[in-house]
């Protein structure tokens, strides 16, 4: 496995564990300045959805599920009350995410990451909140989707696209190349 793959897999597992630990420790929190709620691990869970794509690209699809297994095992030690909810939610979300990401990846990373991240965020949110015993309210689901799909999927993709665009617009000789 390439070093980038090892790093992506480690980051993916860490994001899963962080999401569960934060949620176990702090529960639901209010988004500042909004009438929305999120579980405290929402941003880490959203990062896991994006990192899943990096794991698939660098290691292959089977390593995504190895990462979920690793995250589930560590979550069982750090946040046992959320281990089942997290594992079921990640397996379902990542299965759908992979089914969307893989065919779209041929047409570019950004489209694949955006669409699969939004699908993964929706499934992960509904399944996790239901199994973990959090209420399925408009404020809770809406906050989760803004956190996972908006801030952690859309924003990084837009930043990457902007950086790529700037890189194309600047002549190579002005970069010292």
Protein backbone atom coordinates (compact mmCIF):
# COMPACT_ATOMS: atom_id res chain seq x y z
CA UNK A 1 0.00 0.00 0.00
CA UNK A 2 1.42 3.42 -0.89
CA UNK A 3 2.30 5.86 1.91
CA UNK A 4 -0.51 8.17 0.83
CA UNK A 5 -2.88 5.24 1.19
CA UNK A 6 -1.67 4.47 4.70
CA UNK A 7 -2.09 8.13 5.64
CA UNK A 8 -5.58 8.28 4.11
CA UNK A 9 -6.65 5.08 5.89
CA UNK A 10 -5.26 6.26 9.23
CA UNK A 11 -7.00 9.63 8.85
CA UNK A 12 -10.25 7.89 7.90
CA UNK A 13 -10.17 5.65 10.97
CA UNK A 14 -9.23 8.59 13.18
CA UNK A 15 -12.17 10.62 11.82
CA UNK A 16 -14.60 7.79 12.57
CA UNK A 17 -13.31 7.41 16.13
CA UNK A 18 -13.23 11.19 16.69
CA UNK A 19 -16.82 11.56 15.47
CA UNK A 20 -18.03 8.92 17.89
CA UNK A 21 -15.94 10.06 20.85
CA UNK A 22 -17.04 13.69 20.43
CA UNK A 23 -20.69 12.68 20.14
CA UNK A 24 -20.44 10.34 23.12
CA UNK A 25 -18.75 13.03 25.22
CA UNK A 26 -20.79 16.11 24.23
CA UNK A 27 -24.02 14.79 22.64
CA UNK A 28 -25.96 17.29 20.56
CA UNK A 29 -24.84 20.90 20.38
CA UNK A 30 -26.34 24.02 18.79
CA UNK A 31 -24.75 25.51 15.71
CA UNK A 32 -23.70 29.05 16.62
CA UNK A 33 -25.99 31.69 15.15
CA UNK A 34 -28.45 29.13 13.75
CA UNK A 35 -31.54 27.36 15.01
CA UNK A 36 -29.93 24.03 14.16
CA UNK A 37 -28.39 21.22 16.17
CA UNK A 38 -25.63 18.75 15.38
CA UNK A 39 -24.07 15.90 17.19
CA UNK A 40 -20.68 17.07 18.45
CA UNK A 41 -18.92 14.68 16.06
CA UNK A 42 -20.69 15.89 12.92
CA UNK A 43 -17.69 17.59 11.35
CA UNK A 44 -15.45 14.60 12.01
CA UNK A 45 -18.12 12.31 10.50
CA UNK A 46 -18.32 14.57 7.47
CA UNK A 47 -14.53 14.46 7.16
CA UNK A 48 -14.76 10.65 7.24
CA UNK A 49 -17.13 10.76 4.26
CA UNK A 50 -14.60 12.78 2.26
CA UNK A 51 -11.63 10.73 3.50
CA UNK A 52 -13.44 7.60 2.31
CA UNK A 53 -12.97 8.85 -1.22
CA UNK A 54 -9.24 9.31 -0.60
CA UNK A 55 -8.99 5.77 0.76
CA UNK A 56 -10.78 4.37 -2.28
CA UNK A 57 -8.56 6.36 -4.66
CA UNK A 58 -5.28 5.38 -2.98
CA UNK A 59 -5.97 1.90 -1.61
CA UNK A 60 -9.08 0.53 -3.28
CA UNK A 61 -12.63 -0.07 -2.16
CA UNK A 62 -12.00 -3.02 0.13
CA UNK A 63 -9.83 -0.82 2.35
CA UNK A 64 -12.80 1.46 2.97
CA UNK A 65 -14.52 -1.37 4.80
CA UNK A 66 -11.31 -2.30 6.59
CA UNK A 67 -11.26 1.30 7.81
CA UNK A 68 -14.84 1.02 9.04
CA UNK A 69 -13.92 -2.18 10.88
CA UNK A 70 -10.92 -0.46 12.47
CA UNK A 71 -13.04 2.53 13.40
CA UNK A 72 -15.73 0.25 14.85
CA UNK A 73 -13.22 -1.65 16.95
CA UNK A 74 -11.66 1.51 18.37
CA UNK A 75 -15.09 3.07 18.89
CA UNK A 76 -16.11 0.02 20.93
CA UNK A 77 -13.32 0.95 23.36
CA UNK A 78 -13.76 4.73 23.33
CA UNK A 79 -17.53 5.13 22.90
CA UNK A 80 -19.17 1.73 23.36
CA UNK A 81 -22.69 3.17 23.45
CA UNK A 82 -22.29 4.47 19.90
CA UNK A 83 -20.34 1.59 18.35
CA UNK A 84 -23.34 -0.20 16.82
CA UNK A 85 -25.07 2.97 15.57
CA UNK A 86 -21.85 4.23 14.07
CA UNK A 87 -20.91 0.97 12.40
CA UNK A 88 -24.32 0.40 10.85
CA UNK A 89 -24.54 4.02 9.69
CA UNK A 90 -21.04 4.02 8.20
CA UNK A 91 -21.48 0.68 6.44
CA UNK A 92 -24.76 1.75 4.84
CA UNK A 93 -23.57 5.28 4.03
CA UNK A 94 -20.24 4.11 2.66
CA UNK A 95 -21.84 1.39 0.57
CA UNK A 96 -24.13 3.93 -1.08
CA UNK A 97 -21.32 6.49 -1.21
CA UNK A 98 -19.10 3.98 -3.03
CA UNK A 99 -21.89 3.04 -5.42
CA UNK A 100 -22.21 6.71 -6.36
CA UNK A 101 -18.54 7.74 -6.20
CA UNK A 102 -17.05 4.92 -8.28
CA UNK A 103 -18.98 5.51 -11.53
CA UNK A 104 -18.83 9.30 -11.19
CA UNK A 105 -15.07 9.28 -10.50
CA UNK A 106 -14.45 8.61 -14.21
CA UNK A 107 -15.91 12.06 -14.91
CA UNK A 108 -13.77 13.88 -12.36
CA UNK A 109 -13.06 13.94 -8.67
CA UNK A 110 -15.09 17.03 -7.76
CA UNK A 111 -18.41 15.79 -9.13
CA UNK A 112 -17.89 12.36 -7.60
CA UNK A 113 -16.91 13.76 -4.19
CA UNK A 114 -19.81 16.25 -4.10
CA UNK A 115 -22.56 13.85 -5.06
CA UNK A 116 -21.30 10.87 -3.08
CA UNK A 117 -20.60 13.04 -0.04
CA UNK A 118 -24.15 14.39 -0.05
CA UNK A 119 -25.65 10.90 -0.45
CA UNK A 120 -23.38 9.55 2.30
CA UNK A 121 -24.23 12.46 4.61
CA UNK A 122 -27.97 11.94 4.24
CA UNK A 123 -27.87 8.19 4.86
CA UNK A 124 -25.32 8.47 7.69
CA UNK A 125 -27.40 11.16 9.39
CA UNK A 126 -30.74 9.37 9.24
CA UNK A 127 -29.38 5.96 10.23
CA UNK A 128 -27.03 7.18 12.96
CA UNK A 129 -29.51 9.50 14.65
CA UNK A 130 -32.22 6.82 14.59
CA UNK A 131 -30.10 4.02 16.04
CA UNK A 132 -28.21 6.21 18.53
CA UNK A 133 -31.46 7.53 19.98
CA UNK A 134 -31.20 11.15 18.87
CA UNK A 135 -34.43 12.80 17.70
CA UNK A 136 -35.07 13.10 13.96
CA UNK A 137 -36.08 16.75 13.95
CA UNK A 138 -35.73 19.32 11.20
CA UNK A 139 -33.20 21.19 13.36
CA UNK A 140 -31.15 18.05 14.01
CA UNK A 141 -31.21 16.56 10.52
CA UNK A 142 -30.76 19.97 8.92
CA UNK A 143 -27.80 20.78 11.13
CA UNK A 144 -26.17 17.43 10.42
CA UNK A 145 -26.57 17.88 6.67
CA UNK A 146 -25.21 21.42 6.73
CA UNK A 147 -22.25 20.23 8.77
CA UNK A 148 -21.46 17.04 6.84
CA UNK A 149 -22.50 17.90 3.30
CA UNK A 150 -22.02 21.65 3.41
CA UNK A 151 -19.00 22.50 5.50
CA UNK A 152 -17.08 19.25 5.21
CA UNK A 153 -17.90 18.16 1.65
CA UNK A 154 -18.86 21.16 -0.47
CA UNK A 155 -16.44 23.67 1.06
CA UNK A 156 -13.26 21.53 0.65
CA UNK A 157 -14.23 20.59 -2.92
CA UNK A 158 -14.78 24.25 -3.80
CA UNK A 159 -11.40 25.14 -2.27
CA UNK A 160 -9.63 22.39 -4.24
CA UNK A 161 -11.31 23.52 -7.46
CA UNK A 162 -10.36 27.14 -6.79
CA UNK A 163 -6.74 26.19 -6.14
CA UNK A 164 -6.66 24.15 -9.35
CA UNK A 165 -8.15 27.07 -11.28
CA UNK A 166 -5.59 29.51 -9.91
CA UNK A 167 -2.83 27.04 -10.74
CA UNK A 168 -4.03 26.88 -14.34
CA UNK A 169 -4.32 30.66 -14.63
CA UNK A 170 -0.81 31.47 -13.38
CA UNK A 171 1.91 31.00 -16.04
CA UNK A 172 4.43 28.34 -15.05
CA UNK A 173 7.41 30.67 -15.46
CA UNK A 174 5.94 33.05 -12.84
CA UNK A 175 5.94 30.20 -10.33
CA UNK A 176 9.66 29.67 -10.69
CA UNK A 177 9.18 26.47 -12.67
